[in-house]
Every structure is written in structure tokens, then in C-alpha cells.
C-alpha atoms as a PDB file:
ATOM      1  CA  MET A   1       4.558  32.608  89.219  1.00  0.00           C
ATOM      2  CA  PRO A   2       5.751  29.828  86.901  1.00  0.00           C
ATOM      3  CA  GLU A   3       9.212  28.360  87.282  1.00  0.00           C
ATOM      4  CA  PRO A   4      11.848  29.865  84.953  1.00  0.00           C
ATOM      5  CA  SER A   5      12.124  26.532  83.161  1.00  0.00           C
ATOM      6  CA  ASP A   6       8.391  26.645  82.433  1.00  0.00           C
ATOM      7  CA  ARG A   7       8.741  30.138  81.022  1.00  0.00           C
ATOM      8  CA  ARG A   8      11.683  29.024  78.935  1.00  0.00           C
ATOM      9  CA  ALA A   9       9.737  26.018  77.700  1.00  0.00           C
ATOM     10  CA  ARG A  10       6.818  28.250  76.670  1.00  0.00           C
ATOM     11  CA  LYS A  11       9.199  30.649  74.930  1.00  0.00           C
ATOM     12  CA  ARG A  12      10.908  27.765  73.147  1.00  0.00           C
ATOM     13  CA  LEU A  13       7.558  26.421  71.911  1.00  0.00           C
ATOM     14  CA  ALA A  14       6.485  29.905  70.783  1.00  0.00           C
ATOM     15  CA  THR A  15       9.756  30.322  68.876  1.00  0.00           C
ATOM     16  CA  ARG A  16       9.353  26.914  67.242  1.00  0.00           C
ATOM     17  CA  LYS A  17       5.788  27.761  66.191  1.00  0.00           C
ATOM     18  CA  ALA A  18       6.863  31.145  64.811  1.00  0.00           C
ATOM     19  CA  ILE A  19       9.602  29.506  62.743  1.00  0.00           C
ATOM     20  CA  SER A  20       7.262  26.776  61.483  1.00  0.00           C
ATOM     21  CA  ASP A  21       4.447  29.197  60.644  1.00  0.00           C
ATOM     22  CA  THR A  22       6.850  31.544  58.853  1.00  0.00           C
ATOM     23  CA  ALA A  23       8.463  28.711  56.916  1.00  0.00           C
ATOM     24  CA  THR A  24       5.103  27.266  55.871  1.00  0.00           C
ATOM     25  CA  ARG A  25       3.883  30.667  54.696  1.00  0.00           C
ATOM     26  CA  LEU A  26       7.054  31.245  52.651  1.00  0.00           C
ATOM     27  CA  PHE A  27       7.000  27.713  51.218  1.00  0.00           C
ATOM     28  CA  MET A  28       3.404  28.172  50.110  1.00  0.00           C
ATOM     29  CA  GLU A  29       4.095  31.599  48.605  1.00  0.00           C
ATOM     30  CA  ARG A  30       7.315  30.775  46.751  1.00  0.00           C
ATOM     31  CA  GLY A  31       7.769  27.008  46.780  1.00  0.00           C
ATOM     32  CA  PHE A  32       9.917  24.940  49.113  1.00  0.00           C
ATOM     33  CA  ASP A  33      13.000  24.916  46.900  1.00  0.00           C
ATOM     34  CA  HIS A  34      12.914  28.709  46.441  1.00  0.00           C
ATOM     35  CA  VAL A  35      13.133  29.584  50.140  1.00  0.00           C
ATOM     36  CA  THR A  36      16.396  29.519  52.085  1.00  0.00           C
ATOM     37  CA  VAL A  37      16.859  28.872  55.784  1.00  0.00           C
ATOM     38  CA  ASP A  38      18.389  32.350  56.061  1.00  0.00           C
ATOM     39  CA  GLU A  39      15.195  33.858  54.619  1.00  0.00           C
ATOM     40  CA  ILE A  40      13.083  31.897  57.091  1.00  0.00           C
ATOM     41  CA  ALA A  41      15.283  32.990  59.986  1.00  0.00           C
ATOM     42  CA  GLY A  42      15.083  36.631  58.923  1.00  0.00           C
ATOM     43  CA  ALA A  43      11.321  36.590  58.445  1.00  0.00           C
ATOM     44  CA  ALA A  44      10.850  34.845  61.815  1.00  0.00           C
ATOM     45  CA  ASP A  45      13.275  37.305  63.459  1.00  0.00           C
ATOM     46  CA  VAL A  46      15.587  34.588  64.764  1.00  0.00           C
ATOM     47  CA  GLY A  47      19.122  33.494  63.952  1.00  0.00           C
ATOM     48  CA  ARG A  48      20.012  30.728  61.524  1.00  0.00           C
ATOM     49  CA  MET A  49      21.298  28.534  64.365  1.00  0.00           C
ATOM     50  CA  THR A  50      18.019  29.006  66.243  1.00  0.00           C
ATOM     51  CA  VAL A  51      16.209  27.594  63.218  1.00  0.00           C
ATOM     52  CA  PHE A  52      18.516  24.561  63.163  1.00  0.00           C
ATOM     53  CA  ASN A  53      18.196  24.107  66.939  1.00  0.00           C
ATOM     54  CA  HIS A  54      14.473  23.568  66.401  1.00  0.00           C
ATOM     55  CA  PHE A  55      14.534  21.917  62.969  1.00  0.00           C
ATOM     56  CA  PRO A  56      17.595  19.878  61.912  1.00  0.00           C
ATOM     57  CA  ARG A  57      16.459  19.816  58.263  1.00  0.00           C
ATOM     58  CA  LYS A  58      14.566  22.349  56.208  1.00  0.00           C
ATOM     59  CA  GLU A  59      11.781  19.874  55.413  1.00  0.00           C
ATOM     60  CA  ASP A  60      11.238  19.338  59.149  1.00  0.00           C
ATOM     61  CA  MET A  61       9.711  22.825  59.228  1.00  0.00           C
ATOM     62  CA  PHE A  62       7.116  21.765  56.688  1.00  0.00           C
ATOM     63  CA  PHE A  63       6.238  18.488  58.410  1.00  0.00           C
ATOM     64  CA  ASP A  64       6.504  19.756  61.985  1.00  0.00           C
ATOM     65  CA  ARG A  65       3.335  18.002  63.228  1.00  0.00           C
ATOM     66  CA  ASP A  66       4.428  14.565  62.014  1.00  0.00           C
ATOM     67  CA  GLU A  67       5.641  13.134  65.326  1.00  0.00           C
ATOM     68  CA  GLU A  68       2.611  14.475  67.193  1.00  0.00           C
ATOM     69  CA  GLY A  69       0.349  12.584  64.798  1.00  0.00           C
ATOM     70  CA  ARG A  70       2.328   9.376  65.243  1.00  0.00           C
ATOM     71  CA  GLU A  71       2.088   9.585  69.018  1.00  0.00           C
ATOM     72  CA  MET A  72      -1.658  10.123  68.862  1.00  0.00           C
ATOM     73  CA  LEU A  73      -2.131   7.069  66.626  1.00  0.00           C
ATOM     74  CA  ARG A  74       0.033   4.880  68.863  1.00  0.00           C
ATOM     75  CA  ASP A  75      -1.669   6.075  72.031  1.00  0.00           C
ATOM     76  CA  ALA A  76      -5.175   5.667  70.610  1.00  0.00           C
ATOM     77  CA  VAL A  77      -4.586   1.971  69.986  1.00  0.00           C
ATOM     78  CA  ARG A  78      -2.352   1.161  72.956  1.00  0.00           C
ATOM     79  CA  GLN A  79      -4.357   3.050  75.571  1.00  0.00           C
ATOM     80  CA  ARG A  80      -7.848   2.192  74.367  1.00  0.00           C
ATOM     81  CA  PRO A  81     -10.374   1.025  76.952  1.00  0.00           C
ATOM     82  CA  ALA A  82     -10.963  -2.698  77.379  1.00  0.00           C
ATOM     83  CA  GLY A  83     -13.464  -4.021  74.876  1.00  0.00           C
ATOM     84  CA  VAL A  84     -12.829  -1.254  72.324  1.00  0.00           C
ATOM     85  CA  ALA A  85     -11.548  -2.540  68.978  1.00  0.00           C
ATOM     86  CA  PRO A  86      -8.414  -0.847  67.592  1.00  0.00           C
ATOM     87  CA  LEU A  87     -10.281   0.520  64.577  1.00  0.00           C
ATOM     88  CA  GLU A  88     -12.954   1.983  66.867  1.00  0.00           C
ATOM     89  CA  ALA A  89     -10.205   3.624  68.942  1.00  0.00           C
ATOM     90  CA  LEU A  90      -8.795   5.249  65.793  1.00  0.00           C
ATOM     91  CA  CYS A  91     -12.273   6.459  64.788  1.00  0.00           C
ATOM     92  CA  ARG A  92     -12.771   7.940  68.255  1.00  0.00           C
ATOM     93  CA  LEU A  93      -9.435   9.706  67.942  1.00  0.00           C
ATOM     94  CA  ALA A  94     -10.463  11.215  64.612  1.00  0.00           C
ATOM     95  CA  HIS A  95     -13.781  12.432  66.043  1.00  0.00           C
ATOM     96  CA  ARG A  96     -12.053  13.916  69.102  1.00  0.00           C
ATOM     97  CA  LEU A  97      -9.485  15.748  66.983  1.00  0.00           C
ATOM     98  CA  VAL A  98     -12.222  17.293  64.853  1.00  0.00           C
ATOM     99  CA  ALA A  99     -14.302  18.249  67.907  1.00  0.00           C
ATOM    100  CA  GLU A 100     -11.272  19.847  69.591  1.00  0.00           C
ATOM    101  CA  LYS A 101     -10.208  21.612  66.379  1.00  0.00           C
ATOM    102  CA  SER A 102      -6.769  20.074  66.787  1.00  0.00           C
ATOM    103  CA  PRO A 103      -3.827  21.627  64.909  1.00  0.00           C
ATOM    104  CA  VAL A 104      -3.387  18.213  63.276  1.00  0.00           C
ATOM    105  CA  VAL A 105      -6.862  18.531  61.748  1.00  0.00           C
ATOM    106  CA  GLU A 106      -6.123  22.139  60.817  1.00  0.00           C
ATOM    107  CA  PHE A 107      -3.069  20.894  58.933  1.00  0.00           C
ATOM    108  CA  SER A 108      -5.222  18.349  57.101  1.00  0.00           C
ATOM    109  CA  ALA A 109      -7.758  21.031  56.237  1.00  0.00           C
ATOM    110  CA  ARG A 110      -4.945  23.149  54.782  1.00  0.00           C
ATOM    111  CA  SER A 111      -3.629  20.219  52.791  1.00  0.00           C
ATOM    112  CA  GLU A 112      -5.439  21.302  49.635  1.00  0.00           C
ATOM    113  CA  ARG A 113      -3.241  24.410  49.654  1.00  0.00           C
ATOM    114  CA  LEU A 114      -0.163  22.468  50.768  1.00  0.00           C
ATOM    115  CA  VAL A 115      -0.313  19.761  48.095  1.00  0.00           C
ATOM    116  CA  PRO A 116       1.065  21.995  45.317  1.00  0.00           C
ATOM    117  CA  THR A 117       3.983  22.930  47.580  1.00  0.00           C
ATOM    118  CA  VAL A 118       4.793  19.259  48.179  1.00  0.00           C
ATOM    119  CA  ALA A 119       4.273  18.386  44.515  1.00  0.00           C
ATOM    120  CA  GLY A 120       6.713  21.098  43.489  1.00  0.00           C
ATOM    121  CA  SER A 121       9.599  19.710  45.536  1.00  0.00           C
ATOM    122  CA  GLU A 122      11.330  16.346  45.170  1.00  0.00           C
ATOM    123  CA  THR A 123      12.597  16.692  48.754  1.00  0.00           C
ATOM    124  CA  LEU A 124       9.091  17.165  50.149  1.00  0.00           C
ATOM    125  CA  LYS A 125       7.613  14.418  47.960  1.00  0.00           C
ATOM    126  CA  GLY A 126      10.215  11.985  49.241  1.00  0.00           C
ATOM    127  CA  ARG A 127       9.593  12.977  52.841  1.00  0.00           C
ATOM    128  CA  ALA A 128       5.801  12.748  52.377  1.00  0.00           C
ATOM    129  CA  ARG A 129       6.154   9.219  50.969  1.00  0.00           C
ATOM    130  CA  ALA A 130       8.371   8.215  53.885  1.00  0.00           C
ATOM    131  CA  ILE A 131       5.875   9.619  56.391  1.00  0.00           C
ATOM    132  CA  ARG A 132       2.995   7.822  54.663  1.00  0.00           C
ATOM    133  CA  ASP A 133       4.880   4.528  54.764  1.00  0.00           C
ATOM    134  CA  GLU A 134       5.920   5.017  58.397  1.00  0.00           C
ATOM    135  CA  LEU A 135       2.336   5.810  59.423  1.00  0.00           C
ATOM    136  CA  ALA A 136       1.053   2.722  57.623  1.00  0.00           C
ATOM    137  CA  ASP A 137       3.680   0.604  59.392  1.00  0.00           C
ATOM    138  CA  LEU A 138       2.859   2.222  62.730  1.00  0.00           C
ATOM    139  CA  VAL A 139      -0.870   1.554  62.403  1.00  0.00           C
ATOM    140  CA  ALA A 140      -0.233  -2.010  61.197  1.00  0.00           C
ATOM    141  CA  ALA A 141       2.086  -2.671  64.150  1.00  0.00           C
ATOM    142  CA  ALA A 142      -0.353  -1.150  66.634  1.00  0.00           C
ATOM    143  CA  LEU A 143      -3.191  -3.232  65.208  1.00  0.00           C
ATOM    144  CA  ALA A 144      -1.035  -6.379  65.299  1.00  0.00           C
ATOM    145  CA  GLU A 145      -0.264  -5.751  68.990  1.00  0.00           C
ATOM    146  CA  ALA A 146      -3.966  -5.409  69.760  1.00  0.00           C
END
């Protein structure tokens, strides 16, 4: 039997995913700026504070895979085998993510449907630009370290 903390951790992750999935669905249906946190909480069957415990800002629900992607990029370059060029390590990462049907790739595949949602919100456009710039800086720094 798993430890109670393990069960709690699984429940916490399931709650986070339910909130994120619900928020994304509502954002895509009605537009980011036309959905309130209270509506997300109600549709996900959680309290408003539970939403904020998982996502400090509303846009964090939309970009919930951002940090996971950053970690994968950093790790691919930093933990690559000896003799493997940084660019090759990034290519291998991309191939592995596709082969494993990673949620990060799933998000990219959905991006055609997500783009209008981002385009319709100044908040999301600003956050998307910041993420793009941060990822470019992260890759540049990782490549410079190599």
C-alpha cells in the first residue's frame, strides 16, 4: 500500500490536471478573458482557493506545461552523453518526446486550436512572448555552457 503522502501527491496532481484541463477547455470555448476563476473552479468541482493553490495566476492554467518543457531542454543539454553535440541532444529529445507521445508534444499538436485563444488575449500574448524569450535564453545559455 502506498504511503499516505504518495496518495496525497497523486490526488494533488490529479486535481491540478483537472483544473488545467477544465480551464483550457473553457478558454478555448469562450476565450481567456471571458472565463473567470470562479467558473473554472465550479466546472472543475473545486474551490476558488484550491485553484489558486495550484495556479497563482489565471494564465498559469493555460501555460501549465511551461516549466516541464524548460526542465527537459536544460536536462537534454546538460546531461547529454560525452561526444554528443548540444544540438544533437535537443534533436534526440524531440524524437523521444514524439515517440513517447509526451503531453508536451500533445500540447504542441493542439497549438493550432490554441493559437486563436492566445491571439484573443493581451494577457496570454504577453505571457507567450515572455515564455518564448525565456526559452530562447535558456537554450542559448545551455549551448554556451556546452
